[in-house]
Amino acid sequence: MKYLFTAVMLLSLGCGQNAKNTNAAKSTTDTVKALVITKADTNGEYIDWYKVKLNGNLPMLSSFKASGKELGKPDSVVTPRYEDVSVSFFNGKTFKYVYYKGLQFETENDSLAFSRVDFSKNPKLFLTTDKIKLSPATTLDEFKKLFPKSANEALHGTDMDKRASFRLNVAKGNTDDAWILEFDTVSGKLLSVDYFIPD
C-alpha cells in the first residue's frame, strides 16, 4: 500500500509538471506569435522597389540605353575612388556614378540602378507605383497617413529643425535596404528620396 501511494504521488507530480511545461510552452508559443504579428505589422509599411518607376516609365533597375531615351544625355559619369566606397548596388570595382539634374544612379556594363532623386534640384521628377506618387508636391501629412508607423520613426540628422527623414522598407517584411524620404519641416514638402543600402 505504501508503494502504491508513493507511485500515485510521483505520477501526479509528474502530470502536474507536464501541465506546467505545456502551459509554459503554450505561453512561449503565444509570445512568439505576438512578436511575429507585431513585427509583420510594423514591417507591413513599404514601397515595393520592383514596382517603382521614375516619371512613370523608368524602373529602378534598367539599362543605361533606356535611361537615355527617358532622360537624355547624363550631366556626368564619374568613376569613384573605390577604396572610399563602403557599399554599392553592384558591389564591384567597375561601377560608375551617373548624374542627371536631380538624379543619381549607379551603372555597370549597361545596367543602371537608381540611387537618389532630389526634387529641390529638379521639381519635374516624380516616382510612381501602381498605388502612389512621390513628387515635390507630396506632403509630410500625406506620408503620415499612408505610413503612420514609419512616420513615428524619424531618423536623426544634422538639420533636424529644418528637415525630417524617414526610413521605409523596399519590400514586405524586414529588409536591410530601405527608402529614405526627406521632408522640409517648414513647408512639409518632400525634398528627396534615396535608395539606402547599409554597410
Protein backbone atom coordinates (compact mmCIF):
# COMPACT_ATOMS: atom_id res chain seq x y z
CA MET A 1 0.00 0.00 0.00
CA LYS A 2 2.89 2.31 0.89
CA TYR A 3 4.44 1.70 -2.53
CA LEU A 4 1.12 2.27 -4.28
CA PHE A 5 0.70 5.63 -2.51
CA THR A 6 4.28 6.66 -3.48
CA ALA A 7 3.67 5.67 -7.11
CA VAL A 8 0.40 7.65 -7.23
CA MET A 9 2.15 10.71 -5.71
CA LEU A 10 5.02 10.54 -8.20
CA LEU A 11 2.61 10.10 -11.09
CA SER A 12 0.50 13.08 -10.01
CA LEU A 13 3.61 15.26 -9.53
CA GLY A 14 4.83 14.23 -12.98
CA CYS A 15 1.47 15.07 -14.54
CA GLY A 16 1.46 18.43 -12.74
CA GLN A 17 4.97 19.18 -14.03
CA ASN A 18 3.92 18.20 -17.59
CA ALA A 19 0.92 20.53 -17.32
CA LYS A 20 3.23 23.35 -16.20
CA ASN A 21 5.62 22.62 -19.08
CA THR A 22 2.70 22.53 -21.53
CA ASN A 23 1.38 25.86 -20.20
CA ALA A 24 4.88 27.38 -20.33
CA ALA A 25 5.34 26.12 -23.90
CA LYS A 26 1.91 27.48 -24.85
CA SER A 27 2.79 30.83 -23.25
CA THR A 28 6.12 30.91 -25.13
CA THR A 29 4.36 29.98 -28.38
CA ASP A 30 1.78 32.73 -27.81
CA THR A 31 4.57 35.24 -27.10
CA VAL A 32 6.41 34.22 -30.28
CA LYS A 33 3.17 34.54 -32.27
CA ALA A 34 2.60 38.00 -30.78
CA LEU A 35 6.15 39.06 -31.66
CA VAL A 36 5.77 37.76 -35.19
CA ILE A 37 2.44 39.54 -35.63
CA THR A 38 3.87 42.77 -34.23
CA LYS A 39 6.97 42.55 -36.43
CA ALA A 40 4.92 41.74 -39.52
CA ASP A 41 2.57 44.61 -38.74
CA THR A 42 5.44 47.07 -38.33
CA ASN A 43 7.14 45.88 -41.49
CA GLY A 44 3.90 45.96 -43.44
CA GLU A 45 4.64 49.53 -44.48
CA TYR A 46 6.73 49.55 -47.64
CA ILE A 47 7.05 50.75 -51.21
CA ASP A 48 7.96 47.81 -53.44
CA TRP A 49 11.27 48.64 -55.14
CA TYR A 50 10.34 46.50 -58.14
CA LYS A 51 7.13 48.45 -58.75
CA VAL A 52 8.60 51.96 -58.57
CA LYS A 53 9.17 53.87 -61.79
CA LEU A 54 10.84 57.19 -62.37
CA ASN A 55 8.48 59.60 -64.17
CA GLY A 56 6.09 56.68 -64.64
CA ASN A 57 8.37 54.92 -67.15
CA LEU A 58 11.87 54.06 -65.95
CA PRO A 59 12.18 51.12 -63.48
CA MET A 60 14.62 51.35 -60.57
CA LEU A 61 16.85 48.84 -62.36
CA SER A 62 17.02 49.42 -66.09
CA SER A 63 19.52 49.80 -68.86
CA PHE A 64 21.75 52.78 -69.50
CA LYS A 65 20.41 52.96 -73.05
CA ALA A 66 16.79 53.04 -71.85
CA SER A 67 17.61 55.91 -69.48
CA GLY A 68 18.98 57.88 -72.40
CA LYS A 69 15.62 57.69 -74.16
CA GLU A 70 13.83 58.84 -70.99
CA LEU A 71 16.31 61.32 -69.51
CA GLY A 72 18.61 62.33 -72.35
CA LYS A 73 22.36 62.62 -72.01
CA PRO A 74 23.68 62.48 -68.42
CA ASP A 75 25.28 65.57 -66.90
CA SER A 76 28.24 63.46 -65.83
CA VAL A 77 29.51 59.91 -65.42
CA VAL A 78 32.01 59.61 -62.57
CA THR A 79 34.38 56.81 -61.64
CA PRO A 80 34.52 56.78 -57.84
CA ARG A 81 37.58 56.15 -55.69
CA TYR A 82 36.59 52.55 -54.96
CA GLU A 83 38.63 52.43 -51.75
CA ASP A 84 36.34 55.20 -50.39
CA VAL A 85 33.11 53.35 -51.28
CA SER A 86 31.83 51.13 -48.48
CA VAL A 87 28.79 49.77 -50.32
CA SER A 88 27.25 49.95 -53.76
CA PHE A 89 24.41 48.34 -55.66
CA PHE A 90 26.75 46.39 -57.93
CA ASN A 91 29.40 45.56 -55.28
CA GLY A 92 32.19 45.63 -57.83
CA LYS A 93 35.17 47.66 -58.87
CA THR A 94 33.83 48.64 -62.26
CA PHE A 95 30.62 50.57 -61.49
CA LYS A 96 30.30 54.32 -62.02
CA TYR A 97 28.02 57.05 -60.75
CA VAL A 98 25.71 58.65 -63.30
CA TYR A 99 24.25 62.09 -62.66
CA TYR A 100 21.33 63.85 -64.28
CA LYS A 101 19.80 67.06 -62.94
CA GLY A 102 18.36 65.99 -59.56
CA LEU A 103 19.19 62.29 -60.07
CA GLN A 104 21.93 59.86 -59.15
CA PHE A 105 22.34 56.31 -60.43
CA GLU A 106 24.97 53.60 -60.44
CA THR A 107 25.90 51.90 -63.68
CA GLU A 108 27.84 48.78 -64.54
CA ASN A 109 28.04 47.44 -68.07
CA ASP A 110 24.63 48.53 -69.43
CA SER A 111 22.75 48.16 -66.12
CA LEU A 112 21.53 51.29 -64.36
CA ALA A 113 20.38 51.28 -60.71
CA PHE A 114 18.53 54.17 -59.08
CA SER A 115 20.24 55.81 -56.10
CA ARG A 116 18.63 59.20 -55.41
CA VAL A 117 16.18 61.81 -56.59
CA ASP A 118 16.47 65.38 -55.31
CA PHE A 119 13.22 67.21 -56.06
CA SER A 120 14.69 70.54 -54.95
CA LYS A 121 17.08 70.37 -57.92
CA ASN A 122 14.50 69.13 -60.43
CA PRO A 123 10.82 69.56 -59.45
CA LYS A 124 9.64 67.93 -62.69
CA LEU A 125 10.74 64.50 -61.47
CA PHE A 126 8.47 62.02 -59.68
CA LEU A 127 8.34 58.37 -58.60
CA THR A 128 5.25 56.23 -59.06
CA THR A 129 3.95 52.79 -58.20
CA ASP A 130 0.60 51.26 -59.06
CA LYS A 131 -0.78 52.95 -55.91
CA ILE A 132 1.14 56.11 -55.05
CA LYS A 133 3.10 59.03 -56.49
CA LEU A 134 6.04 60.70 -54.77
CA SER A 135 6.85 64.18 -56.05
CA PRO A 136 7.76 67.66 -54.76
CA ALA A 137 4.03 68.10 -54.09
CA THR A 138 3.94 65.12 -51.67
CA THR A 139 3.42 66.37 -48.12
CA LEU A 140 4.56 65.05 -44.78
CA ASP A 141 0.90 64.81 -43.73
CA GLU A 142 0.18 62.54 -46.71
CA PHE A 143 3.18 60.39 -45.80
CA LYS A 144 1.94 60.10 -42.20
CA LYS A 145 -1.49 58.96 -43.41
CA LEU A 146 -0.05 56.34 -45.77
CA PHE A 147 2.73 55.11 -43.45
CA PRO A 148 1.82 56.05 -39.85
CA LYS A 149 4.23 53.65 -38.14
CA SER A 150 7.20 54.66 -40.28
CA ALA A 151 6.29 58.32 -39.76
CA ASN A 152 6.70 57.82 -36.00
CA GLU A 153 10.33 56.77 -36.50
CA ALA A 154 12.09 59.94 -37.71
CA LEU A 155 15.80 59.48 -38.39
CA HIS A 156 18.18 61.84 -36.65
CA GLY A 157 20.22 64.11 -38.87
CA THR A 158 22.09 67.36 -38.78
CA ASP A 159 19.25 69.69 -39.85
CA MET A 160 16.57 68.27 -37.54
CA ASP A 161 14.89 71.67 -37.17
CA LYS A 162 14.60 72.16 -40.95
CA ARG A 163 14.34 68.61 -42.27
CA ALA A 164 12.81 65.32 -41.22
CA SER A 165 13.91 61.97 -42.66
CA PHE A 166 12.06 58.67 -42.51
CA ARG A 167 13.02 55.07 -43.34
CA LEU A 168 10.61 52.91 -45.31
CA ASN A 169 11.12 49.29 -46.37
CA VAL A 170 11.61 48.43 -50.04
CA ALA A 171 9.67 45.16 -49.75
CA LYS A 172 7.20 43.46 -47.44
CA GLY A 173 8.87 42.17 -44.29
CA ASN A 174 12.05 43.19 -42.56
CA THR A 175 14.52 44.49 -45.16
CA ASP A 176 18.01 45.90 -44.76
CA ASP A 177 17.70 48.07 -47.87
CA ALA A 178 15.34 51.00 -47.48
CA TRP A 179 13.93 54.17 -48.91
CA ILE A 180 14.96 57.32 -47.05
CA LEU A 181 12.44 60.10 -47.58
CA GLU A 182 13.42 63.61 -46.53
CA PHE A 183 10.85 66.36 -45.93
CA ASP A 184 11.17 70.09 -45.36
CA THR A 185 9.63 70.65 -41.91
CA VAL A 186 8.66 74.25 -42.71
CA SER A 187 6.79 73.64 -45.99
CA GLY A 188 6.03 69.99 -45.20
CA LYS A 189 7.00 69.04 -48.78
CA LEU A 190 9.08 66.08 -49.93
CA LEU A 191 12.66 67.09 -50.78
CA SER A 192 14.34 63.83 -51.77
CA VAL A 193 14.14 60.04 -51.89
CA ASP A 194 17.22 57.85 -51.51
CA TYR A 195 17.66 54.14 -52.06
CA PHE A 196 19.72 53.19 -49.00
CA ILE A 197 21.95 50.12 -48.86
CA PRO A 198 23.54 49.51 -45.44
CA ASP A 199 27.20 48.60 -44.97
